[in-house]
PDB file of N, CA and C in Angstrom:
ATOM      1  N   MET A   1      23.175 -30.080 -17.381  1.00  0.00           N
ATOM      2  CA  MET A   1      22.900 -28.634 -17.397  1.00  0.00           C
ATOM      3  C   MET A   1      24.241 -27.920 -17.286  1.00  0.00           C
ATOM      4  N   ASP A   2      24.553 -27.165 -18.308  1.00  0.00           N
ATOM      5  CA  ASP A   2      25.836 -26.461 -18.272  1.00  0.00           C
ATOM      6  C   ASP A   2      25.691 -25.082 -17.632  1.00  0.00           C
ATOM      7  N   LEU A   3      26.802 -24.420 -17.480  1.00  0.00           N
ATOM      8  CA  LEU A   3      26.861 -23.136 -16.754  1.00  0.00           C
ATOM      9  C   LEU A   3      26.015 -22.073 -17.452  1.00  0.00           C
ATOM     10  N   ASN A   4      26.037 -22.021 -18.786  1.00  0.00           N
ATOM     11  CA  ASN A   4      25.251 -21.020 -19.503  1.00  0.00           C
ATOM     12  C   ASN A   4      23.768 -21.192 -19.226  1.00  0.00           C
ATOM     13  N   HIS A   5      23.296 -22.417 -19.192  1.00  0.00           N
ATOM     14  CA  HIS A   5      21.888 -22.707 -18.935  1.00  0.00           C
ATOM     15  C   HIS A   5      21.505 -22.284 -17.505  1.00  0.00           C
ATOM     16  N   LYS A   6      22.378 -22.524 -16.539  1.00  0.00           N
ATOM     17  CA  LYS A   6      22.103 -22.126 -15.164  1.00  0.00           C
ATOM     18  C   LYS A   6      22.024 -20.596 -15.040  1.00  0.00           C
ATOM     19  N   ILE A   7      22.953 -19.884 -15.710  1.00  0.00           N
ATOM     20  CA  ILE A   7      22.947 -18.430 -15.671  1.00  0.00           C
ATOM     21  C   ILE A   7      21.678 -17.887 -16.295  1.00  0.00           C
ATOM     22  N   LEU A   8      21.240 -18.460 -17.404  1.00  0.00           N
ATOM     23  CA  LEU A   8      20.025 -18.036 -18.068  1.00  0.00           C
ATOM     24  C   LEU A   8      18.787 -18.259 -17.176  1.00  0.00           C
ATOM     25  N   VAL A   9      18.711 -19.396 -16.515  1.00  0.00           N
ATOM     26  CA  VAL A   9      17.615 -19.680 -15.617  1.00  0.00           C
ATOM     27  C   VAL A   9      17.638 -18.710 -14.434  1.00  0.00           C
ATOM     28  N   GLY A  10      18.793 -18.395 -13.912  1.00  0.00           N
ATOM     29  CA  GLY A  10      18.928 -17.442 -12.804  1.00  0.00           C
ATOM     30  C   GLY A  10      18.474 -16.054 -13.206  1.00  0.00           C
ATOM     31  N   LEU A  11      18.886 -15.609 -14.402  1.00  0.00           N
ATOM     32  CA  LEU A  11      18.457 -14.284 -14.883  1.00  0.00           C
ATOM     33  C   LEU A  11      16.953 -14.232 -15.083  1.00  0.00           C
ATOM     34  N   LEU A  12      16.380 -15.300 -15.635  1.00  0.00           N
ATOM     35  CA  LEU A  12      14.926 -15.327 -15.814  1.00  0.00           C
ATOM     36  C   LEU A  12      14.195 -15.307 -14.471  1.00  0.00           C
ATOM     37  N   ALA A  13      14.752 -15.989 -13.475  1.00  0.00           N
ATOM     38  CA  ALA A  13      14.132 -15.971 -12.162  1.00  0.00           C
ATOM     39  C   ALA A  13      14.190 -14.585 -11.531  1.00  0.00           C
ATOM     40  N   VAL A  14      15.305 -13.878 -11.697  1.00  0.00           N
ATOM     41  CA  VAL A  14      15.420 -12.512 -11.179  1.00  0.00           C
ATOM     42  C   VAL A  14      14.446 -11.590 -11.880  1.00  0.00           C
ATOM     43  N   LEU A  15      14.317 -11.706 -13.184  1.00  0.00           N
ATOM     44  CA  LEU A  15      13.374 -10.856 -13.936  1.00  0.00           C
ATOM     45  C   LEU A  15      11.938 -11.166 -13.536  1.00  0.00           C
ATOM     46  N   LEU A  16      11.624 -12.433 -13.324  1.00  0.00           N
ATOM     47  CA  LEU A  16      10.256 -12.801 -12.905  1.00  0.00           C
ATOM     48  C   LEU A  16       9.987 -12.228 -11.505  1.00  0.00           C
ATOM     49  N   LEU A  17      10.946 -12.313 -10.612  1.00  0.00           N
ATOM     50  CA  LEU A  17      10.777 -11.771  -9.261  1.00  0.00           C
ATOM     51  C   LEU A  17      10.595 -10.260  -9.318  1.00  0.00           C
ATOM     52  N   ALA A  18      11.362  -9.598 -10.145  1.00  0.00           N
ATOM     53  CA  ALA A  18      11.223  -8.134 -10.291  1.00  0.00           C
ATOM     54  C   ALA A  18       9.849  -7.754 -10.861  1.00  0.00           C
ATOM     55  N   ALA A  19       9.356  -8.534 -11.812  1.00  0.00           N
ATOM     56  CA  ALA A  19       8.017  -8.284 -12.376  1.00  0.00           C
ATOM     57  C   ALA A  19       6.946  -8.505 -11.333  1.00  0.00           C
ATOM     58  N   LEU A  20       7.031  -9.524 -10.544  1.00  0.00           N
ATOM     59  CA  LEU A  20       6.059  -9.813  -9.492  1.00  0.00           C
ATOM     60  C   LEU A  20       6.049  -8.709  -8.443  1.00  0.00           C
ATOM     61  N   ILE A  21       7.222  -8.242  -8.049  1.00  0.00           N
ATOM     62  CA  ILE A  21       7.301  -7.147  -7.070  1.00  0.00           C
ATOM     63  C   ILE A  21       6.667  -5.897  -7.644  1.00  0.00           C
ATOM     64  N   ARG A  22       6.901  -5.629  -8.891  1.00  0.00           N
ATOM     65  CA  ARG A  22       6.326  -4.425  -9.517  1.00  0.00           C
ATOM     66  C   ARG A  22       4.796  -4.541  -9.602  1.00  0.00           C
ATOM     67  N   ILE A  23       4.304  -5.720  -9.929  1.00  0.00           N
ATOM     68  CA  ILE A  23       2.841  -5.904 -10.060  1.00  0.00           C
ATOM     69  C   ILE A  23       2.154  -5.798  -8.691  1.00  0.00           C
ATOM     70  N   PHE A  24       2.760  -6.392  -7.681  1.00  0.00           N
ATOM     71  CA  PHE A  24       2.126  -6.465  -6.373  1.00  0.00           C
ATOM     72  C   PHE A  24       2.588  -5.348  -5.425  1.00  0.00           C
ATOM     73  N   LYS A  25       3.267  -4.348  -5.922  1.00  0.00           N
ATOM     74  CA  LYS A  25       3.819  -3.296  -5.071  1.00  0.00           C
ATOM     75  C   LYS A  25       2.724  -2.526  -4.333  1.00  0.00           C
ATOM     76  N   THR A  26       1.716  -2.073  -5.064  1.00  0.00           N
ATOM     77  CA  THR A  26       0.634  -1.286  -4.441  1.00  0.00           C
ATOM     78  C   THR A  26      -0.196  -2.122  -3.508  1.00  0.00           C
ATOM     79  N   PRO A  27      -0.673  -3.325  -3.898  1.00  0.00           N
ATOM     80  CA  PRO A  27      -1.437  -4.114  -2.948  1.00  0.00           C
ATOM     81  C   PRO A  27      -0.680  -4.500  -1.675  1.00  0.00           C
ATOM     82  N   LEU A  28       0.605  -4.747  -1.800  1.00  0.00           N
ATOM     83  CA  LEU A  28       1.412  -5.064  -0.624  1.00  0.00           C
ATOM     84  C   LEU A  28       1.557  -3.837   0.268  1.00  0.00           C
ATOM     85  N   ARG A  29       1.698  -2.673  -0.325  1.00  0.00           N
ATOM     86  CA  ARG A  29       1.808  -1.461   0.461  1.00  0.00           C
ATOM     87  C   ARG A  29       0.517  -1.201   1.229  1.00  0.00           C
ATOM     88  N   VAL A  30      -0.615  -1.440   0.607  1.00  0.00           N
ATOM     89  CA  VAL A  30      -1.900  -1.282   1.264  1.00  0.00           C
ATOM     90  C   VAL A  30      -2.063  -2.281   2.404  1.00  0.00           C
ATOM     91  N   ALA A  31      -1.664  -3.518   2.151  1.00  0.00           N
ATOM     92  CA  ALA A  31      -1.756  -4.597   3.156  1.00  0.00           C
ATOM     93  C   ALA A  31      -0.856  -4.279   4.357  1.00  0.00           C
ATOM     94  N   PHE A  32       0.353  -3.798   4.105  1.00  0.00           N
ATOM     95  CA  PHE A  32       1.258  -3.478   5.220  1.00  0.00           C
ATOM     96  C   PHE A  32       0.752  -2.266   6.002  1.00  0.00           C
ATOM     97  N   LYS A  33       0.142  -1.302   5.306  1.00  0.00           N
ATOM     98  CA  LYS A  33      -0.428  -0.140   5.980  1.00  0.00           C
ATOM     99  C   LYS A  33      -1.603  -0.565   6.867  1.00  0.00           C
ATOM    100  N   LEU A  34      -2.446  -1.456   6.349  1.00  0.00           N
ATOM    101  CA  LEU A  34      -3.578  -1.945   7.155  1.00  0.00           C
ATOM    102  C   LEU A  34      -3.064  -2.729   8.360  1.00  0.00           C
ATOM    103  N   LEU A  35      -2.029  -3.522   8.171  1.00  0.00           N
ATOM    104  CA  LEU A  35      -1.450  -4.275   9.295  1.00  0.00           C
ATOM    105  C   LEU A  35      -0.889  -3.322  10.337  1.00  0.00           C
ATOM    106  N   LEU A  36      -0.159  -2.312   9.938  1.00  0.00           N
ATOM    107  CA  LEU A  36       0.398  -1.333  10.871  1.00  0.00           C
ATOM    108  C   LEU A  36      -0.705  -0.596  11.606  1.00  0.00           C
ATOM    109  N   ASN A  37      -1.725  -0.167  10.890  1.00  0.00           N
ATOM    110  CA  ASN A  37      -2.822   0.548  11.548  1.00  0.00           C
ATOM    111  C   ASN A  37      -3.567  -0.370  12.510  1.00  0.00           C
ATOM    112  N   THR A  38      -3.710  -1.630  12.168  1.00  0.00           N
ATOM    113  CA  THR A  38      -4.391  -2.588  13.083  1.00  0.00           C
ATOM    114  C   THR A  38      -3.548  -2.767  14.332  1.00  0.00           C
ATOM    115  N   LEU A  39      -2.241  -2.860  14.212  1.00  0.00           N
ATOM    116  CA  LEU A  39      -1.381  -2.970  15.390  1.00  0.00           C
ATOM    117  C   LEU A  39      -1.469  -1.710  16.241  1.00  0.00           C
ATOM    118  N   LEU A  40      -1.544  -0.554  15.616  1.00  0.00           N
ATOM    119  CA  LEU A  40      -1.732   0.696  16.375  1.00  0.00           C
ATOM    120  C   LEU A  40      -3.107   0.704  17.052  1.00  0.00           C
ATOM    121  N   GLY A  41      -4.106   0.125  16.384  1.00  0.00           N
ATOM    122  CA  GLY A  41      -5.438   0.008  16.982  1.00  0.00           C
ATOM    123  C   GLY A  41      -5.409  -0.876  18.212  1.00  0.00           C
ATOM    124  N   PHE A  42      -4.681  -2.005  18.154  1.00  0.00           N
ATOM    125  CA  PHE A  42      -4.515  -2.869  19.313  1.00  0.00           C
ATOM    126  C   PHE A  42      -3.842  -2.106  20.465  1.00  0.00           C
ATOM    127  N   PHE A  43      -2.838  -1.302  20.142  1.00  0.00           N
ATOM    128  CA  PHE A  43      -2.151  -0.529  21.170  1.00  0.00           C
ATOM    129  C   PHE A  43      -3.071   0.487  21.798  1.00  0.00           C
ATOM    130  N   ALA A  44      -3.909   1.153  20.983  1.00  0.00           N
ATOM    131  CA  ALA A  44      -4.854   2.112  21.516  1.00  0.00           C
ATOM    132  C   ALA A  44      -5.878   1.437  22.428  1.00  0.00           C
ATOM    133  N   LEU A  45      -6.357   0.246  22.020  1.00  0.00           N
ATOM    134  CA  LEU A  45      -7.311  -0.482  22.836  1.00  0.00           C
ATOM    135  C   LEU A  45      -6.657  -0.962  24.130  1.00  0.00           C
ATOM    136  N   TYR A  46      -5.395  -1.321  24.059  1.00  0.00           N
ATOM    137  CA  TYR A  46      -4.659  -1.736  25.248  1.00  0.00           C
ATOM    138  C   TYR A  46      -4.546  -0.559  26.242  1.00  0.00           C
ATOM    139  N   LEU A  47      -4.244   0.637  25.714  1.00  0.00           N
ATOM    140  CA  LEU A  47      -4.135   1.811  26.575  1.00  0.00           C
ATOM    141  C   LEU A  47      -5.488   2.144  27.216  1.00  0.00           C
ATOM    142  N   VAL A  48      -6.555   1.971  26.458  1.00  0.00           N
ATOM    143  CA  VAL A  48      -7.894   2.202  27.030  1.00  0.00           C
ATOM    144  C   VAL A  48      -8.179   1.198  28.137  1.00  0.00           C
ATOM    145  N   GLY A  49      -7.745  -0.059  27.934  1.00  0.00           N
ATOM    146  CA  GLY A  49      -7.928  -1.089  28.926  1.00  0.00           C
ATOM    147  C   GLY A  49      -7.152  -0.822  30.192  1.00  0.00           C
ATOM    148  N   VAL A  50      -5.927  -0.318  30.035  1.00  0.00           N
ATOM    149  CA  VAL A  50      -5.076  -0.013  31.185  1.00  0.00           C
ATOM    150  C   VAL A  50      -5.647   1.127  32.015  1.00  0.00           C
ATOM    151  N   THR A  51      -6.187   2.138  31.322  1.00  0.00           N
ATOM    152  CA  THR A  51      -6.732   3.303  32.017  1.00  0.00           C
ATOM    153  C   THR A  51      -8.197   3.157  32.399  1.00  0.00           C
ATOM    154  N   ALA A  52      -8.788   2.011  32.143  1.00  0.00           N
ATOM    155  CA  ALA A  52     -10.222   1.794  32.409  1.00  0.00           C
ATOM    156  C   ALA A  52     -10.593   2.001  33.897  1.00  0.00           C
ATOM    157  N   PRO A  53      -9.791   1.564  34.875  1.00  0.00           N
ATOM    158  CA  PRO A  53     -10.193   1.814  36.264  1.00  0.00           C
ATOM    159  C   PRO A  53     -10.264   3.285  36.625  1.00  0.00           C
ATOM    160  N   TYR A  54      -9.508   4.120  35.908  1.00  0.00           N
ATOM    161  CA  TYR A  54      -9.506   5.547  36.226  1.00  0.00           C
ATOM    162  C   TYR A  54     -10.529   6.338  35.429  1.00  0.00           C
ATOM    163  N   THR A  55     -10.778   5.903  34.176  1.00  0.00           N
ATOM    164  CA  THR A  55     -11.685   6.648  33.317  1.00  0.00           C
ATOM    165  C   THR A  55     -13.070   6.082  33.233  1.00  0.00           C
ATOM    166  N   GLY A  56     -13.216   4.788  33.491  1.00  0.00           N
ATOM    167  CA  GLY A  56     -14.520   4.125  33.356  1.00  0.00           C
ATOM    168  C   GLY A  56     -14.851   3.749  31.937  1.00  0.00           C
ATOM    169  N   ILE A  57     -13.953   4.009  31.009  1.00  0.00           N
ATOM    170  CA  ILE A  57     -14.148   3.645  29.594  1.00  0.00           C
ATOM    171  C   ILE A  57     -13.456   2.300  29.357  1.00  0.00           C
ATOM    172  N   GLN A  58     -14.238   1.334  28.867  1.00  0.00           N
ATOM    173  CA  GLN A  58     -13.663   0.010  28.637  1.00  0.00           C
ATOM    174  C   GLN A  58     -14.151  -0.550  27.330  1.00  0.00           C
ATOM    175  N   LEU A  59     -13.245  -0.950  26.479  1.00  0.00           N
ATOM    176  CA  LEU A  59     -13.569  -1.591  25.192  1.00  0.00           C
ATOM    177  C   LEU A  59     -12.869  -2.931  25.131  1.00  0.00           C
ATOM    178  N   GLY A  60     -13.510  -3.894  24.515  1.00  0.00           N
ATOM    179  CA  GLY A  60     -12.881  -5.204  24.354  1.00  0.00           C
ATOM    180  C   GLY A  60     -11.703  -5.127  23.411  1.00  0.00           C
ATOM    181  N   MET A  61     -10.657  -5.891  23.733  1.00  0.00           N
ATOM    182  CA  MET A  61      -9.481  -5.876  22.866  1.00  0.00           C
ATOM    183  C   MET A  61      -9.551  -7.127  21.999  1.00  0.00           C
ATOM    184  N   ASN A  62     -10.067  -6.963  20.801  1.00  0.00           N
ATOM    185  CA  ASN A  62     -10.140  -8.100  19.870  1.00  0.00           C
ATOM    186  C   ASN A  62      -9.812  -7.593  18.458  1.00  0.00           C
ATOM    187  N   LEU A  63      -9.764  -8.498  17.518  1.00  0.00           N
ATOM    188  CA  LEU A  63      -9.338  -8.155  16.172  1.00  0.00           C
ATOM    189  C   LEU A  63     -10.302  -7.195  15.501  1.00  0.00           C
ATOM    190  N   TRP A  64     -11.592  -7.362  15.683  1.00  0.00           N
ATOM    191  CA  TRP A  64     -12.575  -6.513  15.014  1.00  0.00           C
ATOM    192  C   TRP A  64     -12.452  -5.073  15.510  1.00  0.00           C
ATOM    193  N   ASN A  65     -12.357  -4.903  16.814  1.00  0.00           N
ATOM    194  CA  ASN A  65     -12.211  -3.541  17.354  1.00  0.00           C
ATOM    195  C   ASN A  65     -10.932  -2.903  16.864  1.00  0.00           C
ATOM    196  N   ALA A  66      -9.837  -3.682  16.848  1.00  0.00           N
ATOM    197  CA  ALA A  66      -8.568  -3.144  16.357  1.00  0.00           C
ATOM    198  C   ALA A  66      -8.635  -2.777  14.903  1.00  0.00           C
ATOM    199  N   LEU A  67      -9.341  -3.594  14.069  1.00  0.00           N
ATOM    200  CA  LEU A  67      -9.477  -3.246  12.686  1.00  0.00           C
ATOM    201  C   LEU A  67     -10.303  -1.969  12.507  1.00  0.00           C
ATOM    202  N   VAL A  68     -11.371  -1.821  13.284  1.00  0.00           N
ATOM    203  CA  VAL A  68     -12.180  -0.612  13.184  1.00  0.00           C
ATOM    204  C   VAL A  68     -11.343   0.628  13.553  1.00  0.00           C
ATOM    205  N   VAL A  69     -10.606   0.544  14.645  1.00  0.00           N
ATOM    206  CA  VAL A  69      -9.776   1.662  15.065  1.00  0.00           C
ATOM    207  C   VAL A  69      -8.628   1.869  14.068  1.00  0.00           C
ATOM    208  N   GLY A  70      -8.053   0.765  13.558  1.00  0.00           N
ATOM    209  CA  GLY A  70      -6.935   0.872  12.638  1.00  0.00           C
ATOM    210  C   GLY A  70      -7.338   1.452  11.293  1.00  0.00           C
ATOM    211  N   VAL A  71      -8.508   1.092  10.782  1.00  0.00           N
ATOM    212  CA  VAL A  71      -8.907   1.606   9.481  1.00  0.00           C
ATOM    213  C   VAL A  71      -9.522   2.986   9.587  1.00  0.00           C
ATOM    214  N   LEU A  72     -10.365   3.215  10.594  1.00  0.00           N
ATOM    215  CA  LEU A  72     -11.058   4.512  10.693  1.00  0.00           C
ATOM    216  C   LEU A  72     -10.356   5.523  11.551  1.00  0.00           C
ATOM    217  N   GLY A  73      -9.398   5.064  12.373  1.00  0.00           N
ATOM    218  CA  GLY A  73      -8.638   5.993  13.235  1.00  0.00           C
ATOM    219  C   GLY A  73      -9.485   6.484  14.417  1.00  0.00           C
ATOM    220  N   LEU A  74      -9.340   7.753  14.764  1.00  0.00           N
ATOM    221  CA  LEU A  74     -10.053   8.324  15.860  1.00  0.00           C
ATOM    222  C   LEU A  74     -11.583   8.266  15.695  1.00  0.00           C
ATOM    223  N   PRO A  75     -12.107   8.521  14.499  1.00  0.00           N
ATOM    224  CA  PRO A  75     -13.572   8.344  14.355  1.00  0.00           C
ATOM    225  C   PRO A  75     -14.032   6.914  14.616  1.00  0.00           C
ATOM    226  N   GLY A  76     -13.199   5.917  14.287  1.00  0.00           N
ATOM    227  CA  GLY A  76     -13.525   4.528  14.595  1.00  0.00           C
ATOM    228  C   GLY A  76     -13.572   4.264  16.081  1.00  0.00           C
ATOM    229  N   PHE A  77     -12.640   4.891  16.796  1.00  0.00           N
ATOM    230  CA  PHE A  77     -12.618   4.755  18.243  1.00  0.00           C
ATOM    231  C   PHE A  77     -13.868   5.345  18.861  1.00  0.00           C
ATOM    232  N   VAL A  78     -14.249   6.538  18.379  1.00  0.00           N
ATOM    233  CA  VAL A  78     -15.472   7.207  18.862  1.00  0.00           C
ATOM    234  C   VAL A  78     -16.693   6.357  18.507  1.00  0.00           C
ATOM    235  N   LEU A  79     -16.676   5.787  17.306  1.00  0.00           N
ATOM    236  CA  LEU A  79     -17.788   4.896  16.906  1.00  0.00           C
ATOM    237  C   LEU A  79     -17.944   3.720  17.852  1.00  0.00           C
ATOM    238  N   LEU A  80     -16.830   3.077  18.227  1.00  0.00           N
ATOM    239  CA  LEU A  80     -16.874   1.970  19.165  1.00  0.00           C
ATOM    240  C   LEU A  80     -17.404   2.428  20.531  1.00  0.00           C
ATOM    241  N   LEU A  81     -16.986   3.595  20.970  1.00  0.00           N
ATOM    242  CA  LEU A  81     -17.514   4.100  22.242  1.00  0.00           C
ATOM    243  C   LEU A  81     -19.004   4.376  22.170  1.00  0.00           C
ATOM    244  N   LEU A  82     -19.465   4.936  21.056  1.00  0.00           N
ATOM    245  CA  LEU A  82     -20.904   5.183  20.907  1.00  0.00           C
ATOM    246  C   LEU A  82     -21.695   3.888  20.845  1.00  0.00           C
ATOM    247  N   VAL A  83     -21.179   2.880  20.150  1.00  0.00           N
ATOM    248  CA  VAL A  83     -21.874   1.606  20.087  1.00  0.00           C
ATOM    249  C   VAL A  83     -21.948   0.968  21.463  1.00  0.00           C
ATOM    250  N   GLN A  84     -20.881   1.077  22.238  1.00  0.00           N
ATOM    251  CA  GLN A  84     -20.883   0.509  23.572  1.00  0.00           C
ATOM    252  C   GLN A  84     -21.876   1.269  24.458  1.00  0.00           C
ATOM    253  N   TRP A  85     -21.939   2.566  24.303  1.00  0.00           N
ATOM    254  CA  TRP A  85     -22.845   3.391  25.124  1.00  0.00           C
ATOM    255  C   TRP A  85     -24.300   3.086  24.785  1.00  0.00           C
ATOM    256  N   ILE A  86     -24.593   2.910  23.481  1.00  0.00           N
ATOM    257  CA  ILE A  86     -25.951   2.631  23.038  1.00  0.00           C
ATOM    258  C   ILE A  86     -26.403   1.226  23.415  1.00  0.00           C
ATOM    259  N   LEU A  87     -25.522   0.255  23.251  1.00  0.00           N
ATOM    260  CA  LEU A  87     -25.882  -1.123  23.566  1.00  0.00           C
ATOM    261  C   LEU A  87     -25.611  -1.376  25.030  1.00  0.00           C
TER     262      LEU A  87
END
């Protein structure tokens, strides 16, 4: 394998990587946004757990609750409180 062949393979790899990044740009952005919101949901549930002795409001800190709070935001938090109150 000579130098010209290696350069050509390298350029093709860079072009393929650029094409893949362009194709998956939007889905990756959505996935990272969902991950960030889920982490914020975990943080909100943690704060609720820390203040539970003072407020009497307690929600379980698990992945499903964090996803609900992360995806729906404040309405998701209220939804979890209503579900806990009803059940």
